[in-house]
Amino acid sequence: MFLKPAFPAVAFLLLVALVFAAFENRKPKTALAAADSAPAYTKTGDMLPPANYREWIYLTSGIDMSYAPKTAAMQNHSQDHSMFDNVFVDPAAWRSFLATGTWPDKTVMVLEVREARSKVSINQAGHFQGIDVMGFEVHVKDQSRFDQSRFPGGWAFFDFDSPVANGKLIQQDAPCYSCHAAHGAVDTTFVQFYPTLLPLAQKKGTLSPAFLKENAEGAPGK
């Protein structure tokens, strides 16, 4: 007895594979963060410091940024004690943002503050960052942990004494929450200051109505 040709069976399997691939490509992209980048907490509610955050995705740096008008005393102080802010985000959340234009649950963002130095070695002008970390905060999206009626979007802020210490929850009546909720470009975060992500959010149509209105009112000629 001769074996029947296998070509019809192979063709059928290829057809099934193509249909499955097409179905997977048409599924809506869902913002999900990997488990290994998820935030972790102690039994008392403190946040564990994010490990190896300097290997995460770098988003931006600012120098002497302030969201309120500076007084003369503040101006004089900043001239003598300038500070750099560096922002990092966990890689899984960044990849999800690239796909969706918004942040997934379990996103962890780090704000690292370093002193601005100038008169060192051959440097004659401008500033560079000092070695010591002068401030350290985390902005975390954890919707199962933080009630969205009290924490907008399920986001919370934690303050750390150092990058290796546990962080304390900043209570929801602190001004950082209302400021981010009112002015954050995407999902209560300041994407407007992240030059590689702002154009993407514009393209994805995920900029908040409040930010769009605020940006339009501040445009030249307004």
Protein backbone atom coordinates (compact mmCIF):
# COMPACT_ATOMS: atom_id res chain seq x y z
CA MET A 1 0.00 0.00 0.00
CA PHE A 2 1.34 3.42 -0.93
CA LEU A 3 1.34 6.30 1.60
CA LYS A 4 -0.97 9.19 0.74
CA PRO A 5 0.72 12.47 -0.11
CA ALA A 6 1.28 14.69 2.94
CA PHE A 7 0.91 17.95 1.06
CA PRO A 8 -2.81 18.51 1.86
CA ALA A 9 -2.15 18.08 5.60
CA VAL A 10 0.83 20.45 5.53
CA ALA A 11 -1.17 23.03 3.62
CA PHE A 12 -3.98 22.79 6.16
CA LEU A 13 -1.58 23.29 9.09
CA LEU A 14 -0.04 26.31 7.39
CA LEU A 15 -3.50 27.77 6.86
CA VAL A 16 -4.36 27.30 10.53
CA ALA A 17 -1.09 28.96 11.56
CA LEU A 18 -1.74 31.94 9.31
CA VAL A 19 -5.27 32.39 10.64
CA PHE A 20 -4.02 32.22 14.24
CA ALA A 21 -1.27 34.77 13.53
CA ALA A 22 -3.75 37.15 11.92
CA PHE A 23 -6.07 36.82 14.91
CA GLU A 24 -3.26 37.55 17.37
CA ASN A 25 -2.22 40.66 15.43
CA ARG A 26 -5.78 41.99 15.51
CA LYS A 27 -6.17 41.58 19.28
CA PRO A 28 -6.13 44.95 21.09
CA LYS A 29 -2.87 45.76 22.79
CA THR A 30 -3.30 45.69 26.58
CA ALA A 31 -1.01 47.59 28.91
CA LEU A 32 0.64 44.99 31.12
CA ALA A 33 3.85 45.11 33.10
CA ALA A 34 6.04 42.08 33.70
CA ALA A 35 5.93 40.51 37.15
CA ASP A 36 9.65 41.04 37.74
CA SER A 37 9.21 44.81 37.49
CA ALA A 38 6.24 44.92 39.85
CA PRO A 39 6.50 47.05 43.01
CA ALA A 40 7.06 45.32 46.34
CA TYR A 41 6.10 46.39 49.85
CA THR A 42 6.82 45.52 53.46
CA LYS A 43 4.13 44.28 55.85
CA THR A 44 3.86 47.81 57.26
CA GLY A 45 3.16 49.34 53.85
CA ASP A 46 6.58 50.79 53.10
CA MET A 47 7.85 50.31 49.56
CA LEU A 48 10.99 48.33 48.92
CA PRO A 49 13.62 50.24 46.94
CA PRO A 50 13.60 49.40 43.21
CA ALA A 51 16.69 47.36 42.45
CA ASN A 52 19.03 48.36 39.63
CA TYR A 53 16.85 51.30 38.62
CA ARG A 54 19.81 52.86 36.83
CA GLU A 55 19.60 50.00 34.35
CA TRP A 56 15.99 51.00 33.56
CA ILE A 57 14.83 53.31 30.77
CA TYR A 58 16.04 56.88 31.16
CA LEU A 59 13.27 59.38 30.35
CA THR A 60 14.57 62.87 31.04
CA SER A 61 16.56 65.26 33.22
CA GLY A 62 15.64 68.70 34.47
CA ILE A 63 17.59 71.33 36.37
CA ASP A 64 16.05 73.59 39.02
CA MET A 65 12.52 72.83 37.81
CA SER A 66 9.67 74.26 39.90
CA TYR A 67 5.91 74.12 39.37
CA ALA A 68 5.33 77.33 41.32
CA PRO A 69 6.73 80.85 40.83
CA LYS A 70 10.01 81.29 42.65
CA THR A 71 10.49 83.98 45.27
CA ALA A 72 13.62 86.13 45.29
CA ALA A 73 15.03 84.00 48.11
CA MET A 74 14.42 80.84 46.12
CA GLN A 75 16.09 82.37 43.08
CA ASN A 76 19.18 83.27 45.09
CA HIS A 77 19.27 79.81 46.68
CA SER A 78 19.01 78.02 43.32
CA GLN A 79 21.93 80.02 41.94
CA ASP A 80 24.13 78.58 44.68
CA HIS A 81 22.54 75.12 44.96
CA SER A 82 21.25 73.92 41.61
CA MET A 83 19.81 70.42 41.39
CA PHE A 84 19.33 67.89 38.60
CA ASP A 85 16.25 65.67 38.46
CA ASN A 86 16.62 62.36 36.59
CA VAL A 87 13.62 60.21 35.73
CA PHE A 88 13.69 56.46 35.04
CA VAL A 89 10.88 53.96 34.33
CA ASP A 90 10.89 50.18 34.47
CA PRO A 91 11.49 48.60 31.03
CA ALA A 92 8.23 46.62 30.92
CA ALA A 93 6.15 49.76 31.48
CA TRP A 94 8.15 51.63 28.84
CA ARG A 95 7.54 48.90 26.25
CA SER A 96 3.85 48.97 27.08
CA PHE A 97 3.78 52.75 26.66
CA LEU A 98 5.35 52.42 23.23
CA ALA A 99 2.51 50.08 22.23
CA THR A 100 -0.42 51.87 23.87
CA GLY A 101 0.55 55.46 24.62
CA THR A 102 -0.26 55.07 28.31
CA TRP A 103 1.10 53.42 31.42
CA PRO A 104 0.21 49.88 32.56
CA ASP A 105 -0.71 48.86 36.06
CA LYS A 106 2.40 48.19 38.22
CA THR A 107 4.40 50.93 36.47
CA VAL A 108 7.29 52.17 38.62
CA MET A 109 8.89 55.56 37.93
CA VAL A 110 11.94 56.83 39.81
CA LEU A 111 12.87 60.46 40.44
CA GLU A 112 16.53 60.81 41.40
CA VAL A 113 17.88 64.20 42.53
CA ARG A 114 21.58 65.02 42.29
CA GLU A 115 23.51 68.17 43.08
CA ALA A 116 24.65 70.26 40.11
CA ARG A 117 28.41 70.81 40.15
CA SER A 118 30.48 73.21 38.08
CA LYS A 119 33.99 73.98 39.36
CA VAL A 120 35.68 70.61 39.07
CA SER A 121 38.59 69.46 36.91
CA ILE A 122 38.80 71.27 33.56
CA ASN A 123 35.16 72.44 33.50
CA GLN A 124 34.90 76.20 32.96
CA ALA A 125 31.16 76.70 32.38
CA GLY A 126 27.83 74.98 32.78
CA HIS A 127 26.89 72.19 35.19
CA PHE A 128 27.29 68.46 35.56
CA GLN A 129 25.82 66.02 38.08
CA GLY A 130 27.46 65.26 41.40
CA ILE A 131 28.02 61.80 42.84
CA ASP A 132 25.68 61.95 45.83
CA VAL A 133 21.93 61.36 45.51
CA MET A 134 20.23 64.25 47.32
CA GLY A 135 16.64 63.07 46.91
CA PHE A 136 14.79 59.95 45.83
CA GLU A 137 11.08 59.41 45.10
CA VAL A 138 8.98 56.77 43.38
CA HIS A 139 5.70 57.23 41.53
CA VAL A 140 3.95 53.87 41.30
CA LYS A 141 0.72 52.74 39.66
CA ASP A 142 -0.81 49.94 41.69
CA GLN A 143 -4.57 49.92 41.21
CA SER A 144 -5.21 46.89 43.40
CA ARG A 145 -3.45 48.54 46.32
CA PHE A 146 -4.38 52.22 46.04
CA ASP A 147 -8.06 53.13 45.98
CA GLN A 148 -8.67 55.24 42.88
CA SER A 149 -11.26 57.34 44.72
CA ARG A 150 -8.42 58.63 46.90
CA PHE A 151 -5.37 58.03 44.68
CA PRO A 152 -6.06 59.32 41.12
CA GLY A 153 -5.57 56.53 38.60
CA GLY A 154 -4.25 54.23 41.32
CA TRP A 155 -0.97 56.17 41.46
CA ALA A 156 0.92 56.80 44.70
CA PHE A 157 4.10 58.59 45.69
CA PHE A 158 6.77 57.23 48.01
CA ASP A 159 9.64 59.19 49.56
CA PHE A 160 12.97 57.46 50.27
CA ASP A 161 15.81 58.60 52.47
CA SER A 162 18.20 56.94 50.01
CA PRO A 163 18.06 54.65 46.95
CA VAL A 164 18.67 51.62 49.20
CA ALA A 165 16.22 52.47 52.02
CA ASN A 166 12.54 51.61 52.18
CA GLY A 167 10.14 54.33 51.07
CA LYS A 168 7.32 55.94 53.05
CA LEU A 169 3.95 56.56 51.43
CA ILE A 170 3.25 60.24 50.80
CA GLN A 171 -0.33 60.77 51.96
CA GLN A 172 -2.97 61.57 49.37
CA ASP A 173 -3.62 65.10 50.68
CA ALA A 174 -0.11 66.16 49.61
CA PRO A 175 -0.07 68.70 46.75
CA CYS A 176 1.84 66.39 44.40
CA TYR A 177 -1.33 64.32 43.87
CA SER A 178 -3.61 67.20 42.90
CA CYS A 179 -0.86 68.76 40.78
CA HIS A 180 -0.29 65.59 38.78
CA ALA A 181 -4.02 64.96 38.40
CA ALA A 182 -4.60 68.50 37.12
CA HIS A 183 -1.56 68.92 34.88
CA GLY A 184 -0.19 65.48 33.94
CA ALA A 185 -0.17 65.01 30.16
CA VAL A 186 -0.84 61.24 30.29
CA ASP A 187 -2.43 59.27 33.12
CA THR A 188 -1.48 61.91 35.74
CA THR A 189 2.21 61.74 34.76
CA PHE A 190 4.30 64.59 33.36
CA VAL A 191 4.90 63.10 29.93
CA GLN A 192 5.08 66.68 28.65
CA PHE A 193 8.63 66.70 30.04
CA TYR A 194 9.66 63.39 28.45
CA PRO A 195 10.86 64.32 24.95
CA THR A 196 10.83 60.79 23.51
CA LEU A 197 7.33 59.96 24.77
CA LEU A 198 5.37 63.18 24.22
CA PRO A 199 5.27 62.81 20.40
CA LEU A 200 4.19 59.20 20.82
CA ALA A 201 1.34 60.16 23.14
CA GLN A 202 0.27 62.81 20.64
CA LYS A 203 0.24 60.19 17.87
CA LYS A 204 -1.67 57.67 20.02
CA GLY A 205 -4.21 60.28 21.11
CA THR A 206 -3.66 59.64 24.82
CA LEU A 207 -2.95 63.19 26.00
CA SER A 208 -5.38 64.28 28.71
CA PRO A 209 -8.07 66.86 27.88
CA ALA A 210 -6.84 69.05 30.75
CA PHE A 211 -3.31 69.10 29.36
CA LEU A 212 -4.50 69.81 25.82
CA LYS A 213 -6.58 72.73 27.08
CA GLU A 214 -3.74 74.03 29.23
CA ASN A 215 -1.28 73.69 26.35
CA ALA A 216 -3.62 75.48 23.94
CA GLU A 217 -4.16 78.36 26.37
CA GLY A 218 -0.41 78.73 26.80
CA ALA A 219 0.34 78.70 23.06
CA PRO A 220 1.89 81.83 21.46
CA GLY A 221 -0.73 84.46 20.70
CA LYS A 222 -3.12 83.29 23.40
